[in-house]
């Protein structure tokens, strides 16, 4: 039987979709658990924009910061600042955890969620 290039491409595409969906489910489950550790509703992890508001609340930042996400270039700075505050709320302050989350979030976010050593320590004072 002669297989064309399109058959190979569909197989590879299907494999990539399966991997994508598995990573998506893992990230949603991780965020769900982190929200629950902070006393917030876990279902907020699947609601767009509201999950960002909840992350801002956990990090001690005002909810109106979500509007700053819609301003080009400002959104990058605000996202990093919000991420740093979110991580500080779990006792992970400094540049190291922020860089881990930025570049290796597929590994670091599940670690934070499923690790018994990581607990919500409260809203940061900074």
PDB file of N, CA and C in Angstrom:
ATOM      1  N   UNK A   1       0.839  -1.158   0.000  1.00  0.00           N
ATOM      2  CA  UNK A   1       0.000   0.000   0.000  1.00  0.00           C
ATOM      3  C   UNK A   1       0.892   1.232   0.000  1.00  0.00           C
ATOM      4  N   UNK A   2       0.526   2.184  -0.806  1.00  0.00           N
ATOM      5  CA  UNK A   2       1.331   3.396  -0.961  1.00  0.00           C
ATOM      6  C   UNK A   2       0.728   4.523  -0.131  1.00  0.00           C
ATOM      7  N   UNK A   3       1.503   5.001   0.818  1.00  0.00           N
ATOM      8  CA  UNK A   3       1.045   6.106   1.653  1.00  0.00           C
ATOM      9  C   UNK A   3       1.641   7.401   1.134  1.00  0.00           C
ATOM     10  N   UNK A   4       0.817   8.381   0.985  1.00  0.00           N
ATOM     11  CA  UNK A   4       1.288   9.685   0.525  1.00  0.00           C
ATOM     12  C   UNK A   4       1.749  10.526   1.701  1.00  0.00           C
ATOM     13  N   UNK A   5       2.276  11.681   1.371  1.00  0.00           N
ATOM     14  CA  UNK A   5       2.750  12.588   2.420  1.00  0.00           C
ATOM     15  C   UNK A   5       1.607  13.077   3.302  1.00  0.00           C
ATOM     16  N   UNK A   6       0.430  13.195   2.729  1.00  0.00           N
ATOM     17  CA  UNK A   6      -0.687  13.717   3.513  1.00  0.00           C
ATOM     18  C   UNK A   6      -1.070  12.759   4.644  1.00  0.00           C
ATOM     19  N   UNK A   7      -0.920  11.444   4.436  1.00  0.00           N
ATOM     20  CA  UNK A   7      -1.230  10.486   5.493  1.00  0.00           C
ATOM     21  C   UNK A   7      -0.270  10.643   6.657  1.00  0.00           C
ATOM     22  N   UNK A   8       0.985  10.868   6.360  1.00  0.00           N
ATOM     23  CA  UNK A   8       1.986  11.065   7.401  1.00  0.00           C
ATOM     24  C   UNK A   8       1.711  12.362   8.149  1.00  0.00           C
ATOM     25  N   UNK A   9       1.344  13.411   7.429  1.00  0.00           N
ATOM     26  CA  UNK A   9       1.066  14.694   8.063  1.00  0.00           C
ATOM     27  C   UNK A   9      -0.140  14.604   8.990  1.00  0.00           C
ATOM     28  N   UNK A  10      -1.188  13.887   8.576  1.00  0.00           N
ATOM     29  CA  UNK A  10      -2.359  13.752   9.435  1.00  0.00           C
ATOM     30  C   UNK A  10      -2.019  12.973  10.705  1.00  0.00           C
ATOM     31  N   UNK A  11      -1.179  11.981  10.579  1.00  0.00           N
ATOM     32  CA  UNK A  11      -0.767  11.221  11.759  1.00  0.00           C
ATOM     33  C   UNK A  11       0.030  12.073  12.724  1.00  0.00           C
ATOM     34  N   UNK A  12       0.951  12.861  12.188  1.00  0.00           N
ATOM     35  CA  UNK A  12       1.750  13.739  13.036  1.00  0.00           C
ATOM     36  C   UNK A  12       0.882  14.816  13.666  1.00  0.00           C
ATOM     37  N   UNK A  13      -0.050  15.340  12.893  1.00  0.00           N
ATOM     38  CA  UNK A  13      -0.949  16.373  13.409  1.00  0.00           C
ATOM     39  C   UNK A  13      -1.832  15.820  14.518  1.00  0.00           C
ATOM     40  N   UNK A  14      -2.306  14.609  14.363  1.00  0.00           N
ATOM     41  CA  UNK A  14      -3.118  13.981  15.399  1.00  0.00           C
ATOM     42  C   UNK A  14      -2.297  13.787  16.664  1.00  0.00           C
ATOM     43  N   UNK A  15      -1.064  13.353  16.518  1.00  0.00           N
ATOM     44  CA  UNK A  15      -0.186  13.183  17.671  1.00  0.00           C
ATOM     45  C   UNK A  15       0.075  14.496  18.387  1.00  0.00           C
ATOM     46  N   UNK A  16       0.271  15.552  17.623  1.00  0.00           N
ATOM     47  CA  UNK A  16       0.496  16.867  18.237  1.00  0.00           C
ATOM     48  C   UNK A  16      -0.751  17.356  18.974  1.00  0.00           C
ATOM     49  N   UNK A  17      -1.923  17.100  18.405  1.00  0.00           N
ATOM     50  CA  UNK A  17      -3.168  17.484  19.075  1.00  0.00           C
ATOM     51  C   UNK A  17      -3.342  16.739  20.389  1.00  0.00           C
ATOM     52  N   UNK A  18      -3.002  15.473  20.408  1.00  0.00           N
ATOM     53  CA  UNK A  18      -3.122  14.683  21.632  1.00  0.00           C
ATOM     54  C   UNK A  18      -2.180  15.235  22.698  1.00  0.00           C
ATOM     55  N   UNK A  19      -0.957  15.553  22.316  1.00  0.00           N
ATOM     56  CA  UNK A  19       0.007  16.128  23.260  1.00  0.00           C
ATOM     57  C   UNK A  19      -0.476  17.492  23.748  1.00  0.00           C
ATOM     58  N   UNK A  20      -0.979  18.313  22.836  1.00  0.00           N
ATOM     59  CA  UNK A  20      -1.487  19.632  23.192  1.00  0.00           C
ATOM     60  C   UNK A  20      -2.624  19.526  24.198  1.00  0.00           C
ATOM     61  N   UNK A  21      -3.579  18.644  23.950  1.00  0.00           N
ATOM     62  CA  UNK A  21      -4.716  18.490  24.855  1.00  0.00           C
ATOM     63  C   UNK A  21      -4.287  17.948  26.217  1.00  0.00           C
ATOM     64  N   UNK A  22      -3.304  17.039  26.237  1.00  0.00           N
ATOM     65  CA  UNK A  22      -2.806  16.516  27.508  1.00  0.00           C
ATOM     66  C   UNK A  22      -2.137  17.621  28.332  1.00  0.00           C
ATOM     67  N   UNK A  23      -1.337  18.454  27.682  1.00  0.00           N
ATOM     68  CA  UNK A  23      -0.681  19.564  28.381  1.00  0.00           C
ATOM     69  C   UNK A  23      -1.720  20.576  28.852  1.00  0.00           C
ATOM     70  N   UNK A  24      -2.727  20.837  28.035  1.00  0.00           N
ATOM     71  CA  UNK A  24      -3.791  21.766  28.411  1.00  0.00           C
ATOM     72  C   UNK A  24      -4.538  21.277  29.653  1.00  0.00           C
ATOM     73  N   UNK A  25      -4.884  20.013  29.690  1.00  0.00           N
ATOM     74  CA  UNK A  25      -5.578  19.451  30.849  1.00  0.00           C
ATOM     75  C   UNK A  25      -4.683  19.517  32.089  1.00  0.00           C
ATOM     76  N   UNK A  26      -3.398  19.231  31.936  1.00  0.00           N
ATOM     77  CA  UNK A  26      -2.460  19.305  33.053  1.00  0.00           C
ATOM     78  C   UNK A  26      -2.353  20.730  33.596  1.00  0.00           C
ATOM     79  N   UNK A  27      -2.289  21.720  32.712  1.00  0.00           N
ATOM     80  CA  UNK A  27      -2.170  23.115  33.148  1.00  0.00           C
ATOM     81  C   UNK A  27      -3.449  23.594  33.828  1.00  0.00           C
ATOM     82  N   UNK A  28      -4.595  23.220  33.294  1.00  0.00           N
ATOM     83  CA  UNK A  28      -5.865  23.610  33.918  1.00  0.00           C
ATOM     84  C   UNK A  28      -5.995  22.957  35.291  1.00  0.00           C
ATOM     85  N   UNK A  29      -5.660  21.682  35.393  1.00  0.00           N
ATOM     86  CA  UNK A  29      -5.728  20.987  36.682  1.00  0.00           C
ATOM     87  C   UNK A  29      -4.770  21.626  37.694  1.00  0.00           C
ATOM     88  N   UNK A  30      -3.596  22.007  37.245  1.00  0.00           N
ATOM     89  CA  UNK A  30      -2.622  22.633  38.139  1.00  0.00           C
ATOM     90  C   UNK A  30      -3.110  23.981  38.641  1.00  0.00           C
ATOM     91  N   UNK A  31      -3.637  24.793  37.747  1.00  0.00           N
ATOM     92  CA  UNK A  31      -4.156  26.098  38.146  1.00  0.00           C
ATOM     93  C   UNK A  31      -5.372  25.932  39.057  1.00  0.00           C
ATOM     94  N   UNK A  32      -6.204  24.940  38.780  1.00  0.00           N
ATOM     95  CA  UNK A  32      -7.372  24.643  39.602  1.00  0.00           C
ATOM     96  C   UNK A  32      -6.940  24.354  41.043  1.00  0.00           C
ATOM     97  N   UNK A  33      -5.926  23.504  41.192  1.00  0.00           N
ATOM     98  CA  UNK A  33      -5.437  23.133  42.530  1.00  0.00           C
ATOM     99  C   UNK A  33      -4.806  24.333  43.222  1.00  0.00           C
ATOM    100  N   UNK A  34      -4.045  25.140  42.501  1.00  0.00           N
ATOM    101  CA  UNK A  34      -3.438  26.326  43.107  1.00  0.00           C
ATOM    102  C   UNK A  34      -4.504  27.312  43.569  1.00  0.00           C
ATOM    103  N   UNK A  35      -5.557  27.476  42.806  1.00  0.00           N
ATOM    104  CA  UNK A  35      -6.648  28.351  43.221  1.00  0.00           C
ATOM    105  C   UNK A  35      -7.298  27.813  44.503  1.00  0.00           C
ATOM    106  N   UNK A  36      -7.502  26.504  44.567  1.00  0.00           N
ATOM    107  CA  UNK A  36      -8.102  25.917  45.761  1.00  0.00           C
ATOM    108  C   UNK A  36      -7.190  26.054  46.974  1.00  0.00           C
ATOM    109  N   UNK A  37      -5.879  25.952  46.778  1.00  0.00           N
ATOM    110  CA  UNK A  37      -4.943  26.144  47.883  1.00  0.00           C
ATOM    111  C   UNK A  37      -5.053  27.552  48.459  1.00  0.00           C
ATOM    112  N   UNK A  38      -5.419  28.506  47.618  1.00  0.00           N
ATOM    113  CA  UNK A  38      -5.547  29.893  48.062  1.00  0.00           C
ATOM    114  C   UNK A  38      -6.951  30.213  48.556  1.00  0.00           C
ATOM    115  N   UNK A  39      -7.840  29.230  48.567  1.00  0.00           N
ATOM    116  CA  UNK A  39      -9.189  29.454  49.044  1.00  0.00           C
ATOM    117  C   UNK A  39     -10.115  30.077  48.010  1.00  0.00           C
ATOM    118  N   UNK A  40      -9.718  30.050  46.764  1.00  0.00           N
ATOM    119  CA  UNK A  40     -10.545  30.562  45.664  1.00  0.00           C
ATOM    120  C   UNK A  40     -11.224  29.391  44.971  1.00  0.00           C
ATOM    121  N   UNK A  41     -12.292  29.644  44.220  1.00  0.00           N
ATOM    122  CA  UNK A  41     -12.956  28.532  43.523  1.00  0.00           C
ATOM    123  C   UNK A  41     -12.076  27.966  42.409  1.00  0.00           C
ATOM    124  N   UNK A  42     -11.960  26.650  42.374  1.00  0.00           N
ATOM    125  CA  UNK A  42     -11.126  26.005  41.370  1.00  0.00           C
ATOM    126  C   UNK A  42     -11.638  26.186  39.955  1.00  0.00           C
ATOM    127  N   UNK A  43     -12.952  26.257  39.798  1.00  0.00           N
ATOM    128  CA  UNK A  43     -13.532  26.397  38.471  1.00  0.00           C
ATOM    129  C   UNK A  43     -13.114  27.696  37.800  1.00  0.00           C
ATOM    130  N   UNK A  44     -12.612  28.646  38.553  1.00  0.00           N
ATOM    131  CA  UNK A  44     -12.168  29.916  37.976  1.00  0.00           C
ATOM    132  C   UNK A  44     -11.002  29.707  37.004  1.00  0.00           C
ATOM    133  N   UNK A  45     -10.328  28.578  37.108  1.00  0.00           N
ATOM    134  CA  UNK A  45      -9.196  28.299  36.222  1.00  0.00           C
ATOM    135  C   UNK A  45      -9.621  28.122  34.770  1.00  0.00           C
ATOM    136  N   UNK A  46     -10.883  27.810  34.533  1.00  0.00           N
ATOM    137  CA  UNK A  46     -11.322  27.556  33.160  1.00  0.00           C
ATOM    138  C   UNK A  46     -12.102  28.720  32.556  1.00  0.00           C
ATOM    139  N   UNK A  47     -12.267  29.798  33.310  1.00  0.00           N
ATOM    140  CA  UNK A  47     -13.020  30.949  32.818  1.00  0.00           C
ATOM    141  C   UNK A  47     -12.037  32.022  32.356  1.00  0.00           C
ATOM    142  N   UNK A  48     -12.012  32.317  31.063  1.00  0.00           N
ATOM    143  CA  UNK A  48     -11.072  33.326  30.559  1.00  0.00           C
ATOM    144  C   UNK A  48     -11.307  34.687  31.215  1.00  0.00           C
ATOM    145  N   UNK A  49     -10.268  35.420  31.380  1.00  0.00           N
ATOM    146  CA  UNK A  49     -10.202  36.749  31.985  1.00  0.00           C
ATOM    147  C   UNK A  49     -10.474  36.676  33.488  1.00  0.00           C
ATOM    148  N   UNK A  50     -11.505  35.947  33.907  1.00  0.00           N
ATOM    149  CA  UNK A  50     -11.772  35.832  35.344  1.00  0.00           C
ATOM    150  C   UNK A  50     -10.624  35.114  36.046  1.00  0.00           C
ATOM    151  N   UNK A  51      -9.997  34.129  35.377  1.00  0.00           N
ATOM    152  CA  UNK A  51      -8.872  33.453  36.013  1.00  0.00           C
ATOM    153  C   UNK A  51      -7.701  34.416  36.226  1.00  0.00           C
ATOM    154  N   UNK A  52      -7.571  35.394  35.352  1.00  0.00           N
ATOM    155  CA  UNK A  52      -6.530  36.401  35.538  1.00  0.00           C
ATOM    156  C   UNK A  52      -6.875  37.303  36.719  1.00  0.00           C
ATOM    157  N   UNK A  53      -8.142  37.646  36.854  1.00  0.00           N
ATOM    158  CA  UNK A  53      -8.581  38.453  38.002  1.00  0.00           C
ATOM    159  C   UNK A  53      -8.311  37.698  39.301  1.00  0.00           C
ATOM    160  N   UNK A  54      -8.592  36.408  39.332  1.00  0.00           N
ATOM    161  CA  UNK A  54      -8.352  35.601  40.527  1.00  0.00           C
ATOM    162  C   UNK A  54      -6.856  35.525  40.820  1.00  0.00           C
ATOM    163  N   UNK A  55      -6.040  35.358  39.792  1.00  0.00           N
ATOM    164  CA  UNK A  55      -4.588  35.336  40.008  1.00  0.00           C
ATOM    165  C   UNK A  55      -4.107  36.668  40.576  1.00  0.00           C
ATOM    166  N   UNK A  56      -4.660  37.772  40.087  1.00  0.00           N
ATOM    167  CA  UNK A  56      -4.303  39.079  40.615  1.00  0.00           C
ATOM    168  C   UNK A  56      -4.723  39.204  42.075  1.00  0.00           C
ATOM    169  N   UNK A  57      -5.910  38.717  42.425  1.00  0.00           N
ATOM    170  CA  UNK A  57      -6.370  38.756  43.814  1.00  0.00           C
ATOM    171  C   UNK A  57      -5.461  37.937  44.721  1.00  0.00           C
ATOM    172  N   UNK A  58      -5.081  36.764  44.274  1.00  0.00           N
ATOM    173  CA  UNK A  58      -4.198  35.911  45.070  1.00  0.00           C
ATOM    174  C   UNK A  58      -2.857  36.603  45.286  1.00  0.00           C
ATOM    175  N   UNK A  59      -2.383  37.291  44.265  1.00  0.00           N
ATOM    176  CA  UNK A  59      -1.111  37.998  44.369  1.00  0.00           C
ATOM    177  C   UNK A  59      -1.195  39.333  45.087  1.00  0.00           C
ATOM    178  N   UNK A  60      -2.400  39.741  45.453  1.00  0.00           N
ATOM    179  CA  UNK A  60      -2.549  40.996  46.176  1.00  0.00           C
ATOM    180  C   UNK A  60      -2.567  42.224  45.288  1.00  0.00           C
ATOM    181  N   UNK A  61      -2.781  42.053  44.028  1.00  0.00           N
ATOM    182  CA  UNK A  61      -2.848  43.174  43.081  1.00  0.00           C
ATOM    183  C   UNK A  61      -4.307  43.524  42.825  1.00  0.00           C
ATOM    184  N   UNK A  62      -4.594  44.777  42.494  1.00  0.00           N
ATOM    185  CA  UNK A  62      -5.992  45.160  42.254  1.00  0.00           C
ATOM    186  C   UNK A  62      -6.547  44.515  40.983  1.00  0.00           C
ATOM    187  N   UNK A  63      -7.828  44.236  41.008  1.00  0.00           N
ATOM    188  CA  UNK A  63      -8.478  43.567  39.888  1.00  0.00           C
ATOM    189  C   UNK A  63      -8.505  44.386  38.611  1.00  0.00           C
ATOM    190  N   UNK A  64      -8.440  45.710  38.732  1.00  0.00           N
ATOM    191  CA  UNK A  64      -8.480  46.545  37.530  1.00  0.00           C
ATOM    192  C   UNK A  64      -7.216  46.401  36.694  1.00  0.00           C
ATOM    193  N   UNK A  65      -6.186  45.784  37.245  1.00  0.00           N
ATOM    194  CA  UNK A  65      -4.967  45.540  36.464  1.00  0.00           C
ATOM    195  C   UNK A  65      -5.251  44.691  35.234  1.00  0.00           C
ATOM    196  N   UNK A  66      -6.347  43.944  35.249  1.00  0.00           N
ATOM    197  CA  UNK A  66      -6.675  43.116  34.091  1.00  0.00           C
ATOM    198  C   UNK A  66      -6.870  43.991  32.855  1.00  0.00           C
ATOM    199  N   UNK A  67      -7.284  45.233  33.025  1.00  0.00           N
ATOM    200  CA  UNK A  67      -7.428  46.154  31.895  1.00  0.00           C
ATOM    201  C   UNK A  67      -6.078  46.490  31.268  1.00  0.00           C
ATOM    202  N   UNK A  68      -5.028  46.468  32.068  1.00  0.00           N
ATOM    203  CA  UNK A  68      -3.699  46.777  31.551  1.00  0.00           C
ATOM    204  C   UNK A  68      -3.166  45.688  30.625  1.00  0.00           C
ATOM    205  N   UNK A  69      -3.771  44.501  30.697  1.00  0.00           N
ATOM    206  CA  UNK A  69      -3.380  43.416  29.801  1.00  0.00           C
ATOM    207  C   UNK A  69      -3.754  43.703  28.351  1.00  0.00           C
ATOM    208  N   UNK A  70      -4.630  44.658  28.127  1.00  0.00           N
ATOM    209  CA  UNK A  70      -5.073  44.977  26.776  1.00  0.00           C
ATOM    210  C   UNK A  70      -4.248  46.093  26.131  1.00  0.00           C
ATOM    211  N   UNK A  71      -3.251  46.619  26.842  1.00  0.00           N
ATOM    212  CA  UNK A  71      -2.389  47.672  26.302  1.00  0.00           C
ATOM    213  C   UNK A  71      -1.099  47.025  25.811  1.00  0.00           C
ATOM    214  N   UNK A  72      -0.787  47.157  24.527  1.00  0.00           N
ATOM    215  CA  UNK A  72       0.433  46.533  23.997  1.00  0.00           C
ATOM    216  C   UNK A  72       1.685  47.000  24.740  1.00  0.00           C
ATOM    217  N   UNK A  73       2.606  46.101  24.949  1.00  0.00           N
ATOM    218  CA  UNK A  73       3.886  46.273  25.628  1.00  0.00           C
ATOM    219  C   UNK A  73       3.727  46.466  27.134  1.00  0.00           C
ATOM    220  N   UNK A  74       2.713  47.185  27.564  1.00  0.00           N
ATOM    221  CA  UNK A  74       2.447  47.309  28.990  1.00  0.00           C
ATOM    222  C   UNK A  74       2.020  45.951  29.535  1.00  0.00           C
ATOM    223  N   UNK A  75       1.300  45.193  28.727  1.00  0.00           N
ATOM    224  CA  UNK A  75       0.802  43.896  29.168  1.00  0.00           C
ATOM    225  C   UNK A  75       1.935  42.931  29.524  1.00  0.00           C
ATOM    226  N   UNK A  76       3.060  43.044  28.866  1.00  0.00           N
ATOM    227  CA  UNK A  76       4.195  42.162  29.168  1.00  0.00           C
ATOM    228  C   UNK A  76       4.728  42.453  30.566  1.00  0.00           C
ATOM    229  N   UNK A  77       4.909  43.735  30.863  1.00  0.00           N
ATOM    230  CA  UNK A  77       5.427  44.146  32.172  1.00  0.00           C
ATOM    231  C   UNK A  77       4.432  43.776  33.271  1.00  0.00           C
ATOM    232  N   UNK A  78       3.163  44.062  33.039  1.00  0.00           N
ATOM    233  CA  UNK A  78       2.129  43.772  34.033  1.00  0.00           C
ATOM    234  C   UNK A  78       2.021  42.265  34.263  1.00  0.00           C
ATOM    235  N   UNK A  79       2.106  41.478  33.208  1.00  0.00           N
ATOM    236  CA  UNK A  79       2.012  40.021  33.343  1.00  0.00           C
ATOM    237  C   UNK A  79       3.151  39.479  34.196  1.00  0.00           C
ATOM    238  N   UNK A  80       4.349  39.984  33.999  1.00  0.00           N
ATOM    239  CA  UNK A  80       5.499  39.526  34.788  1.00  0.00           C
ATOM    240  C   UNK A  80       5.357  39.963  36.242  1.00  0.00           C
ATOM    241  N   UNK A  81       4.903  41.203  36.466  1.00  0.00           N
ATOM    242  CA  UNK A  81       4.701  41.681  37.829  1.00  0.00           C
ATOM    243  C   UNK A  81       3.597  40.881  38.541  1.00  0.00           C
ATOM    244  N   UNK A  82       2.522  40.589  37.830  1.00  0.00           N
ATOM    245  CA  UNK A  82       1.426  39.814  38.410  1.00  0.00           C
ATOM    246  C   UNK A  82       1.864  38.383  38.695  1.00  0.00           C
ATOM    247  N   UNK A  83       2.654  37.813  37.798  1.00  0.00           N
ATOM    248  CA  UNK A  83       3.170  36.462  38.000  1.00  0.00           C
ATOM    249  C   UNK A  83       4.081  36.409  39.217  1.00  0.00           C
ATOM    250  N   UNK A  84       4.934  37.425  39.377  1.00  0.00           N
ATOM    251  CA  UNK A  84       5.827  37.482  40.534  1.00  0.00           C
ATOM    252  C   UNK A  84       5.022  37.576  41.828  1.00  0.00           C
ATOM    253  N   UNK A  85       3.965  38.389  41.836  1.00  0.00           N
ATOM    254  CA  UNK A  85       3.129  38.512  43.032  1.00  0.00           C
ATOM    255  C   UNK A  85       2.387  37.206  43.312  1.00  0.00           C
ATOM    256  N   UNK A  86       1.899  36.546  42.266  1.00  0.00           N
ATOM    257  CA  UNK A  86       1.203  35.266  42.413  1.00  0.00           C
ATOM    258  C   UNK A  86       2.131  34.223  43.024  1.00  0.00           C
ATOM    259  N   UNK A  87       3.372  34.166  42.553  1.00  0.00           N
ATOM    260  CA  UNK A  87       4.327  33.197  43.078  1.00  0.00           C
ATOM    261  C   UNK A  87       4.731  33.524  44.510  1.00  0.00           C
ATOM    262  N   UNK A  88       4.849  34.816  44.842  1.00  0.00           N
ATOM    263  CA  UNK A  88       5.169  35.205  46.227  1.00  0.00           C
ATOM    264  C   UNK A  88       4.072  34.763  47.186  1.00  0.00           C
ATOM    265  N   UNK A  89       2.833  34.718  46.714  1.00  0.00           N
ATOM    266  CA  UNK A  89       1.729  34.267  47.564  1.00  0.00           C
ATOM    267  C   UNK A  89       1.858  32.790  47.925  1.00  0.00           C
ATOM    268  N   UNK A  90       2.683  32.061  47.201  1.00  0.00           N
ATOM    269  CA  UNK A  90       2.955  30.659  47.499  1.00  0.00           C
ATOM    270  C   UNK A  90       4.358  30.465  48.060  1.00  0.00           C
ATOM    271  N   UNK A  91       4.976  31.548  48.513  1.00  0.00           N
ATOM    272  CA  UNK A  91       6.293  31.463  49.129  1.00  0.00           C
ATOM    273  C   UNK A  91       7.434  31.308  48.150  1.00  0.00           C
ATOM    274  N   UNK A  92       7.216  31.663  46.915  1.00  0.00           N
ATOM    275  CA  UNK A  92       8.245  31.534  45.880  1.00  0.00           C
ATOM    276  C   UNK A  92       8.603  32.912  45.346  1.00  0.00           C
ATOM    277  N   UNK A  93       9.337  33.682  46.131  1.00  0.00           N
ATOM    278  CA  UNK A  93       9.723  35.024  45.719  1.00  0.00           C
ATOM    279  C   UNK A  93      11.046  35.037  44.985  1.00  0.00           C
ATOM    280  N   UNK A  94      11.319  36.120  44.304  1.00  0.00           N
ATOM    281  CA  UNK A  94      12.578  36.281  43.599  1.00  0.00           C
ATOM    282  C   UNK A  94      12.460  36.035  42.110  1.00  0.00           C
ATOM    283  N   UNK A  95      13.591  36.241  41.450  1.00  0.00           N
ATOM    284  CA  UNK A  95      13.613  36.128  39.995  1.00  0.00           C
ATOM    285  C   UNK A  95      13.626  34.671  39.517  1.00  0.00           C
ATOM    286  N   UNK A  96      14.179  33.779  40.313  1.00  0.00           N
ATOM    287  CA  UNK A  96      14.282  32.377  39.908  1.00  0.00           C
ATOM    288  C   UNK A  96      12.939  31.733  39.601  1.00  0.00           C
ATOM    289  N   UNK A  97      12.001  31.772  40.540  1.00  0.00           N
ATOM    290  CA  UNK A  97      10.696  31.172  40.248  1.00  0.00           C
ATOM    291  C   UNK A  97       9.965  31.839  39.089  1.00  0.00           C
ATOM    292  N   UNK A  98      10.129  33.148  38.931  1.00  0.00           N
ATOM    293  CA  UNK A  98       9.476  33.837  37.813  1.00  0.00           C
ATOM    294  C   UNK A  98      10.057  33.341  36.489  1.00  0.00           C
ATOM    295  N   UNK A  99      11.369  33.214  36.429  1.00  0.00           N
ATOM    296  CA  UNK A  99      12.000  32.711  35.207  1.00  0.00           C
ATOM    297  C   UNK A  99      11.614  31.257  34.937  1.00  0.00           C
ATOM    298  N   UNK A 100      11.544  30.458  36.007  1.00  0.00           N
ATOM    299  CA  UNK A 100      11.095  29.073  35.823  1.00  0.00           C
ATOM    300  C   UNK A 100       9.683  29.027  35.258  1.00  0.00           C
ATOM    301  N   UNK A 101       8.824  29.889  35.788  1.00  0.00           N
ATOM    302  CA  UNK A 101       7.444  29.901  35.306  1.00  0.00           C
ATOM    303  C   UNK A 101       7.358  30.415  33.872  1.00  0.00           C
ATOM    304  N   UNK A 102       8.175  31.386  33.525  1.00  0.00           N
ATOM    305  CA  UNK A 102       8.141  31.932  32.168  1.00  0.00           C
ATOM    306  C   UNK A 102       8.629  30.929  31.127  1.00  0.00           C
ATOM    307  N   UNK A 103       9.700  30.215  31.450  1.00  0.00           N
ATOM    308  CA  UNK A 103      10.315  29.358  30.446  1.00  0.00           C
ATOM    309  C   UNK A 103       9.973  27.874  30.587  1.00  0.00           C
ATOM    310  N   UNK A 104       9.602  27.435  31.785  1.00  0.00           N
ATOM    311  CA  UNK A 104       9.315  26.023  32.020  1.00  0.00           C
ATOM    312  C   UNK A 104       7.996  25.843  32.769  1.00  0.00           C
ATOM    313  N   UNK A 105       6.983  26.595  32.377  1.00  0.00           N
ATOM    314  CA  UNK A 105       5.711  26.555  33.101  1.00  0.00           C
ATOM    315  C   UNK A 105       5.037  25.194  33.030  1.00  0.00           C
ATOM    316  N   UNK A 106       5.275  24.438  31.983  1.00  0.00           N
ATOM    317  CA  UNK A 106       4.667  23.115  31.846  1.00  0.00           C
ATOM    318  C   UNK A 106       5.173  22.172  32.937  1.00  0.00           C
ATOM    319  N   UNK A 107       6.362  22.430  33.455  1.00  0.00           N
ATOM    320  CA  UNK A 107       6.930  21.616  34.524  1.00  0.00           C
ATOM    321  C   UNK A 107       6.712  22.277  35.885  1.00  0.00           C
ATOM    322  N   UNK A 108       6.924  23.594  35.952  1.00  0.00           N
ATOM    323  CA  UNK A 108       6.920  24.285  37.240  1.00  0.00           C
ATOM    324  C   UNK A 108       5.513  24.465  37.814  1.00  0.00           C
ATOM    325  N   UNK A 109       4.525  24.757  36.990  1.00  0.00           N
ATOM    326  CA  UNK A 109       3.165  24.937  37.496  1.00  0.00           C
ATOM    327  C   UNK A 109       2.609  23.645  38.112  1.00  0.00           C
ATOM    328  N   UNK A 110       2.746  22.482  37.455  1.00  0.00           N
ATOM    329  CA  UNK A 110       2.310  21.244  38.122  1.00  0.00           C
ATOM    330  C   UNK A 110       3.107  20.946  39.393  1.00  0.00           C
ATOM    331  N   UNK A 111       4.394  21.305  39.409  1.00  0.00           N
ATOM    332  CA  UNK A 111       5.179  21.120  40.628  1.00  0.00           C
ATOM    333  C   UNK A 111       4.577  21.921  41.780  1.00  0.00           C
ATOM    334  N   UNK A 112       4.247  23.188  41.518  1.00  0.00           N
ATOM    335  CA  UNK A 112       3.639  24.015  42.554  1.00  0.00           C
ATOM    336  C   UNK A 112       2.305  23.444  43.010  1.00  0.00           C
ATOM    337  N   UNK A 113       1.527  22.962  42.078  1.00  0.00           N
ATOM    338  CA  UNK A 113       0.188  22.475  42.404  1.00  0.00           C
ATOM    339  C   UNK A 113       0.218  21.153  43.169  1.00  0.00           C
ATOM    340  N   UNK A 114       1.025  20.223  42.735  1.00  0.00           N
ATOM    341  CA  UNK A 114       0.977  18.875  43.286  1.00  0.00           C
ATOM    342  C   UNK A 114       1.982  18.621  44.398  1.00  0.00           C
ATOM    343  N   UNK A 115       2.856  19.574  44.683  1.00  0.00           N
ATOM    344  CA  UNK A 115       3.840  19.409  45.743  1.00  0.00           C
ATOM    345  C   UNK A 115       3.202  19.665  47.100  1.00  0.00           C
ATOM    346  N   UNK A 116       3.483  18.814  48.056  1.00  0.00           N
ATOM    347  CA  UNK A 116       2.993  19.000  49.425  1.00  0.00           C
ATOM    348  C   UNK A 116       3.762  20.116  50.134  1.00  0.00           C
ATOM    349  N   UNK A 117       4.958  20.445  49.641  1.00  0.00           N
ATOM    350  CA  UNK A 117       5.775  21.480  50.262  1.00  0.00           C
ATOM    351  C   UNK A 117       5.321  22.890  49.907  1.00  0.00           C
ATOM    352  N   UNK A 118       4.518  23.029  48.888  1.00  0.00           N
ATOM    353  CA  UNK A 118       4.073  24.344  48.438  1.00  0.00           C
ATOM    354  C   UNK A 118       2.675  24.600  48.987  1.00  0.00           C
ATOM    355  N   UNK A 119       2.562  25.628  49.810  1.00  0.00           N
ATOM    356  CA  UNK A 119       1.281  26.020  50.388  1.00  0.00           C
ATOM    357  C   UNK A 119       1.084  27.504  50.185  1.00  0.00           C
ATOM    358  N   UNK A 120      -0.157  27.921  50.202  1.00  0.00           N
ATOM    359  CA  UNK A 120      -0.471  29.352  50.088  1.00  0.00           C
ATOM    360  C   UNK A 120      -0.080  30.009  51.406  1.00  0.00           C
ATOM    361  N   UNK A 121       0.815  30.999  51.330  1.00  0.00           N
ATOM    362  CA  UNK A 121       1.295  31.658  52.545  1.00  0.00           C
ATOM    363  C   UNK A 121       0.633  33.005  52.767  1.00  0.00           C
ATOM    364  N   UNK A 122      -0.197  33.428  51.871  1.00  0.00           N
ATOM    365  CA  UNK A 122      -0.900  34.682  52.038  1.00  0.00           C
ATOM    366  C   UNK A 122      -0.480  35.709  51.008  1.00  0.00           C
ATOM    367  N   UNK A 123      -1.194  36.816  51.046  1.00  0.00           N
ATOM    368  CA  UNK A 123      -0.941  37.888  50.097  1.00  0.00           C
ATOM    369  C   UNK A 123       0.380  38.573  50.454  1.00  0.00           C
ATOM    370  N   UNK A 124       1.230  38.783  49.458  1.00  0.00           N
ATOM    371  CA  UNK A 124       2.506  39.438  49.740  1.00  0.00           C
ATOM    372  C   UNK A 124       2.287  40.901  50.132  1.00  0.00           C
ATOM    373  N   UNK A 125       3.199  41.418  50.946  1.00  0.00           N
ATOM    374  CA  UNK A 125       3.114  42.797  51.415  1.00  0.00           C
ATOM    375  C   UNK A 125       3.753  43.778  50.454  1.00  0.00           C
ATOM    376  N   UNK A 126       4.392  43.267  49.414  1.00  0.00           N
ATOM    377  CA  UNK A 126       5.123  44.146  48.500  1.00  0.00           C
ATOM    378  C   UNK A 126       4.190  44.694  47.467  1.00  0.00           C
TER     379      UNK A 126
END
